[in-house]
Amino acid sequence: MNKEEILKLAELARINITEEEADGYKKDFEGILNYLNSIQSVDIEFSQFYETNLTKNSMRDDDKIYDSGSFTDVLLAEAPEIDGDYFKVKKVL
């Protein structure tokens, strides 16, 4: 990264930096980018620890699909107070 790109990045981030600070950040960014390039160059294609897709479905299958409202009467019977088909609760301010 050159100084102009660093100053533009600082402007986009709404950070005020001086020219001298931009020179210092230039060295930092070069180190970071070199480190990232070295990480990207590692060949992991045949690694036993590398998996391409770690996403697994943690939801259960919907084997039993219930009709809406099929448990309303059971749930309302357990409530301390009801108002029609609703639970009656204390007012919260």
N, C-alpha and C. Protein backbone atom coordinates (compact mmCIF):
# COMPACT_ATOMS: atom_id res chain seq x y z
N MET A 1 0.85 -1.18 0.00
CA MET A 1 0.00 0.00 0.00
C MET A 1 0.90 1.23 0.00
N ASN A 2 0.48 2.21 -0.76
CA ASN A 2 1.25 3.45 -0.75
C ASN A 2 0.58 4.45 0.19
N LYS A 3 1.25 5.58 0.38
CA LYS A 3 0.78 6.58 1.34
C LYS A 3 -0.60 7.13 0.97
N GLU A 4 -0.84 7.31 -0.33
CA GLU A 4 -2.13 7.84 -0.77
C GLU A 4 -3.28 6.88 -0.44
N GLU A 5 -3.03 5.58 -0.62
CA GLU A 5 -4.07 4.59 -0.28
C GLU A 5 -4.33 4.57 1.22
N ILE A 6 -3.30 4.72 2.01
CA ILE A 6 -3.47 4.74 3.47
C ILE A 6 -4.24 5.99 3.89
N LEU A 7 -3.93 7.13 3.30
CA LEU A 7 -4.65 8.36 3.63
C LEU A 7 -6.11 8.26 3.19
N LYS A 8 -6.37 7.64 2.04
CA LYS A 8 -7.74 7.45 1.57
C LYS A 8 -8.50 6.50 2.51
N LEU A 9 -7.83 5.43 2.94
CA LEU A 9 -8.44 4.49 3.88
C LEU A 9 -8.76 5.18 5.20
N ALA A 10 -7.85 6.02 5.67
CA ALA A 10 -8.09 6.77 6.91
C ALA A 10 -9.27 7.72 6.73
N GLU A 11 -9.36 8.34 5.55
CA GLU A 11 -10.49 9.25 5.29
C GLU A 11 -11.81 8.49 5.30
N LEU A 12 -11.83 7.31 4.68
CA LEU A 12 -13.05 6.50 4.65
C LEU A 12 -13.44 6.03 6.05
N ALA A 13 -12.43 5.78 6.88
CA ALA A 13 -12.68 5.35 8.26
C ALA A 13 -12.91 6.53 9.18
N ARG A 14 -12.81 7.73 8.62
CA ARG A 14 -12.98 8.98 9.37
C ARG A 14 -11.99 9.08 10.52
N ILE A 15 -10.74 8.77 10.17
CA ILE A 15 -9.64 8.86 11.12
C ILE A 15 -8.68 9.92 10.61
N ASN A 16 -8.32 10.85 11.45
CA ASN A 16 -7.36 11.88 11.07
C ASN A 16 -5.96 11.39 11.39
N ILE A 17 -5.13 11.25 10.34
CA ILE A 17 -3.73 10.87 10.54
C ILE A 17 -2.84 11.85 9.78
N THR A 18 -1.64 11.99 10.27
CA THR A 18 -0.68 12.88 9.61
C THR A 18 0.09 12.11 8.56
N GLU A 19 0.85 12.84 7.75
CA GLU A 19 1.69 12.22 6.73
C GLU A 19 2.72 11.27 7.37
N GLU A 20 3.27 11.69 8.50
CA GLU A 20 4.28 10.88 9.19
C GLU A 20 3.65 9.57 9.70
N GLU A 21 2.42 9.68 10.22
CA GLU A 21 1.73 8.48 10.70
C GLU A 21 1.43 7.54 9.53
N ALA A 22 1.09 8.12 8.38
CA ALA A 22 0.82 7.30 7.20
C ALA A 22 2.06 6.54 6.78
N ASP A 23 3.24 7.16 6.90
CA ASP A 23 4.48 6.46 6.58
C ASP A 23 4.70 5.28 7.54
N GLY A 24 4.40 5.48 8.81
CA GLY A 24 4.52 4.40 9.78
C GLY A 24 3.54 3.28 9.51
N TYR A 25 2.31 3.64 9.15
CA TYR A 25 1.30 2.63 8.84
C TYR A 25 1.65 1.87 7.58
N LYS A 26 2.36 2.52 6.66
CA LYS A 26 2.76 1.85 5.43
C LYS A 26 3.61 0.62 5.75
N LYS A 27 4.55 0.77 6.66
CA LYS A 27 5.40 -0.35 7.06
C LYS A 27 4.56 -1.44 7.75
N ASP A 28 3.61 -1.03 8.58
CA ASP A 28 2.75 -2.00 9.27
C ASP A 28 1.90 -2.79 8.27
N PHE A 29 1.30 -2.06 7.31
CA PHE A 29 0.46 -2.72 6.31
C PHE A 29 1.29 -3.68 5.44
N GLU A 30 2.50 -3.29 5.09
CA GLU A 30 3.36 -4.18 4.30
C GLU A 30 3.63 -5.47 5.06
N GLY A 31 3.89 -5.37 6.36
CA GLY A 31 4.13 -6.57 7.17
C GLY A 31 2.90 -7.45 7.23
N ILE A 32 1.75 -6.83 7.42
CA ILE A 32 0.50 -7.60 7.50
C ILE A 32 0.20 -8.28 6.18
N LEU A 33 0.33 -7.55 5.08
CA LEU A 33 0.04 -8.11 3.76
C LEU A 33 1.03 -9.22 3.40
N ASN A 34 2.29 -9.05 3.76
CA ASN A 34 3.26 -10.12 3.52
C ASN A 34 2.91 -11.37 4.31
N TYR A 35 2.47 -11.19 5.55
CA TYR A 35 2.07 -12.33 6.37
C TYR A 35 0.87 -13.04 5.75
N LEU A 36 -0.11 -12.28 5.28
CA LEU A 36 -1.29 -12.88 4.65
C LEU A 36 -0.90 -13.62 3.38
N ASN A 37 0.01 -13.07 2.60
CA ASN A 37 0.47 -13.76 1.39
C ASN A 37 1.16 -15.07 1.73
N SER A 38 1.93 -15.08 2.81
CA SER A 38 2.60 -16.33 3.19
C SER A 38 1.58 -17.37 3.65
N ILE A 39 0.51 -16.94 4.30
CA ILE A 39 -0.54 -17.88 4.72
C ILE A 39 -1.26 -18.44 3.49
N GLN A 40 -1.54 -17.58 2.53
CA GLN A 40 -2.25 -18.03 1.33
C GLN A 40 -1.42 -18.99 0.49
N SER A 41 -0.12 -18.94 0.61
CA SER A 41 0.73 -19.80 -0.21
C SER A 41 0.86 -21.21 0.34
N VAL A 42 0.34 -21.48 1.53
CA VAL A 42 0.44 -22.81 2.12
C VAL A 42 -0.50 -23.76 1.39
N ASP A 43 0.02 -24.92 0.99
CA ASP A 43 -0.78 -25.92 0.28
C ASP A 43 -1.48 -26.81 1.30
N ILE A 44 -2.80 -26.71 1.36
CA ILE A 44 -3.58 -27.50 2.32
C ILE A 44 -4.53 -28.46 1.63
N GLU A 45 -4.37 -28.63 0.33
CA GLU A 45 -5.31 -29.43 -0.44
C GLU A 45 -5.41 -30.87 0.08
N PHE A 46 -4.28 -31.46 0.46
CA PHE A 46 -4.29 -32.85 0.87
C PHE A 46 -4.10 -33.02 2.37
N SER A 47 -4.34 -31.98 3.13
CA SER A 47 -4.19 -32.06 4.57
C SER A 47 -5.34 -32.86 5.16
N GLN A 48 -5.04 -33.69 6.14
CA GLN A 48 -6.09 -34.49 6.77
C GLN A 48 -6.98 -33.65 7.67
N PHE A 49 -6.53 -32.44 8.02
CA PHE A 49 -7.31 -31.58 8.90
C PHE A 49 -8.13 -30.55 8.14
N TYR A 50 -8.05 -30.56 6.84
CA TYR A 50 -8.74 -29.55 6.04
C TYR A 50 -10.05 -30.10 5.52
N GLU A 51 -11.13 -29.41 5.81
CA GLU A 51 -12.43 -29.77 5.27
C GLU A 51 -12.98 -28.55 4.56
N THR A 52 -13.58 -28.76 3.41
CA THR A 52 -14.06 -27.62 2.63
C THR A 52 -15.41 -27.11 3.13
N ASN A 53 -16.23 -27.98 3.69
CA ASN A 53 -17.55 -27.55 4.12
C ASN A 53 -17.80 -28.08 5.52
N LEU A 54 -17.73 -27.18 6.50
CA LEU A 54 -17.96 -27.58 7.88
C LEU A 54 -19.39 -27.32 8.34
N THR A 55 -20.22 -26.82 7.44
CA THR A 55 -21.59 -26.50 7.79
C THR A 55 -22.41 -27.78 7.90
N LYS A 56 -23.03 -27.93 9.04
CA LYS A 56 -23.88 -29.08 9.25
C LYS A 56 -25.24 -28.61 9.75
N ASN A 57 -26.27 -29.31 9.39
CA ASN A 57 -27.62 -28.96 9.81
C ASN A 57 -27.81 -29.43 11.25
N SER A 58 -28.04 -28.48 12.15
CA SER A 58 -28.24 -28.84 13.55
C SER A 58 -29.72 -28.85 13.93
N MET A 59 -30.57 -28.63 12.97
CA MET A 59 -32.01 -28.64 13.24
C MET A 59 -32.55 -30.06 13.08
N ARG A 60 -33.58 -30.36 13.81
CA ARG A 60 -34.18 -31.67 13.69
C ARG A 60 -35.07 -31.72 12.45
N ASP A 61 -35.31 -32.91 11.96
CA ASP A 61 -36.24 -33.07 10.85
C ASP A 61 -37.66 -32.90 11.37
N ASP A 62 -38.51 -32.31 10.58
CA ASP A 62 -39.90 -32.12 10.97
C ASP A 62 -40.71 -33.37 10.61
N ASP A 63 -40.55 -34.40 11.45
CA ASP A 63 -41.29 -35.64 11.21
C ASP A 63 -42.75 -35.48 11.62
N LYS A 64 -42.96 -34.75 12.72
CA LYS A 64 -44.32 -34.54 13.21
C LYS A 64 -44.67 -33.07 13.03
N ILE A 65 -45.48 -32.80 12.06
CA ILE A 65 -45.91 -31.42 11.81
C ILE A 65 -47.29 -31.25 12.44
N TYR A 66 -47.41 -30.26 13.32
CA TYR A 66 -48.66 -30.04 14.05
C TYR A 66 -49.43 -28.89 13.42
N ASP A 67 -50.75 -28.99 13.52
CA ASP A 67 -51.60 -27.91 13.04
C ASP A 67 -51.51 -26.73 14.00
N SER A 68 -51.61 -25.54 13.45
CA SER A 68 -51.57 -24.34 14.27
C SER A 68 -52.75 -24.34 15.24
N GLY A 69 -52.46 -24.09 16.51
CA GLY A 69 -53.50 -24.01 17.52
C GLY A 69 -53.90 -25.35 18.11
N SER A 70 -53.23 -26.41 17.75
CA SER A 70 -53.63 -27.72 18.26
C SER A 70 -53.34 -27.89 19.75
N PHE A 71 -52.43 -27.08 20.29
CA PHE A 71 -52.10 -27.15 21.72
C PHE A 71 -52.61 -25.95 22.50
N THR A 72 -53.40 -25.10 21.89
CA THR A 72 -53.86 -23.87 22.54
C THR A 72 -54.63 -24.17 23.82
N ASP A 73 -55.57 -25.08 23.77
CA ASP A 73 -56.40 -25.38 24.94
C ASP A 73 -55.55 -25.96 26.08
N VAL A 74 -54.59 -26.81 25.76
CA VAL A 74 -53.73 -27.42 26.77
C VAL A 74 -52.87 -26.35 27.44
N LEU A 75 -52.30 -25.46 26.63
CA LEU A 75 -51.45 -24.40 27.18
C LEU A 75 -52.26 -23.40 28.01
N LEU A 76 -53.42 -23.00 27.52
CA LEU A 76 -54.24 -22.05 28.26
C LEU A 76 -54.74 -22.64 29.57
N ALA A 77 -54.94 -23.95 29.62
CA ALA A 77 -55.39 -24.59 30.85
C ALA A 77 -54.31 -24.51 31.93
N GLU A 78 -53.04 -24.40 31.56
CA GLU A 78 -51.94 -24.32 32.51
C GLU A 78 -51.65 -22.90 32.98
N ALA A 79 -52.22 -21.91 32.32
CA ALA A 79 -51.93 -20.51 32.66
C ALA A 79 -52.66 -20.11 33.93
N PRO A 80 -52.02 -19.27 34.78
CA PRO A 80 -52.68 -18.82 36.00
C PRO A 80 -53.90 -17.95 35.71
N GLU A 81 -53.81 -17.09 34.68
CA GLU A 81 -54.94 -16.24 34.28
C GLU A 81 -54.98 -16.15 32.77
N ILE A 82 -56.20 -16.16 32.22
CA ILE A 82 -56.35 -16.01 30.78
C ILE A 82 -57.42 -14.96 30.50
N ASP A 83 -57.36 -14.43 29.30
CA ASP A 83 -58.37 -13.49 28.83
C ASP A 83 -58.72 -13.92 27.42
N GLY A 84 -59.76 -14.70 27.26
CA GLY A 84 -60.11 -15.26 25.96
C GLY A 84 -59.08 -16.32 25.58
N ASP A 85 -58.44 -16.14 24.45
CA ASP A 85 -57.40 -17.07 24.00
C ASP A 85 -55.99 -16.53 24.27
N TYR A 86 -55.85 -15.65 25.26
CA TYR A 86 -54.56 -15.02 25.55
C TYR A 86 -54.17 -15.25 27.01
N PHE A 87 -52.88 -15.27 27.27
CA PHE A 87 -52.38 -15.28 28.63
C PHE A 87 -52.55 -13.88 29.21
N LYS A 88 -52.97 -13.79 30.46
CA LYS A 88 -53.11 -12.51 31.10
C LYS A 88 -51.89 -12.35 32.02
N VAL A 89 -51.13 -11.25 31.81
CA VAL A 89 -49.92 -11.01 32.59
C VAL A 89 -49.99 -9.62 33.19
N LYS A 90 -49.12 -9.38 34.19
CA LYS A 90 -49.07 -8.07 34.80
C LYS A 90 -48.52 -7.05 33.83
N LYS A 91 -48.97 -5.84 33.95
CA LYS A 91 -48.48 -4.75 33.12
C LYS A 91 -47.03 -4.42 33.47
N VAL A 92 -46.22 -4.28 32.46
CA VAL A 92 -44.81 -3.95 32.66
C VAL A 92 -44.56 -2.58 32.07
N LEU A 93 -44.03 -1.68 32.89
CA LEU A 93 -43.75 -0.32 32.40
C LEU A 93 -42.28 -0.11 32.26
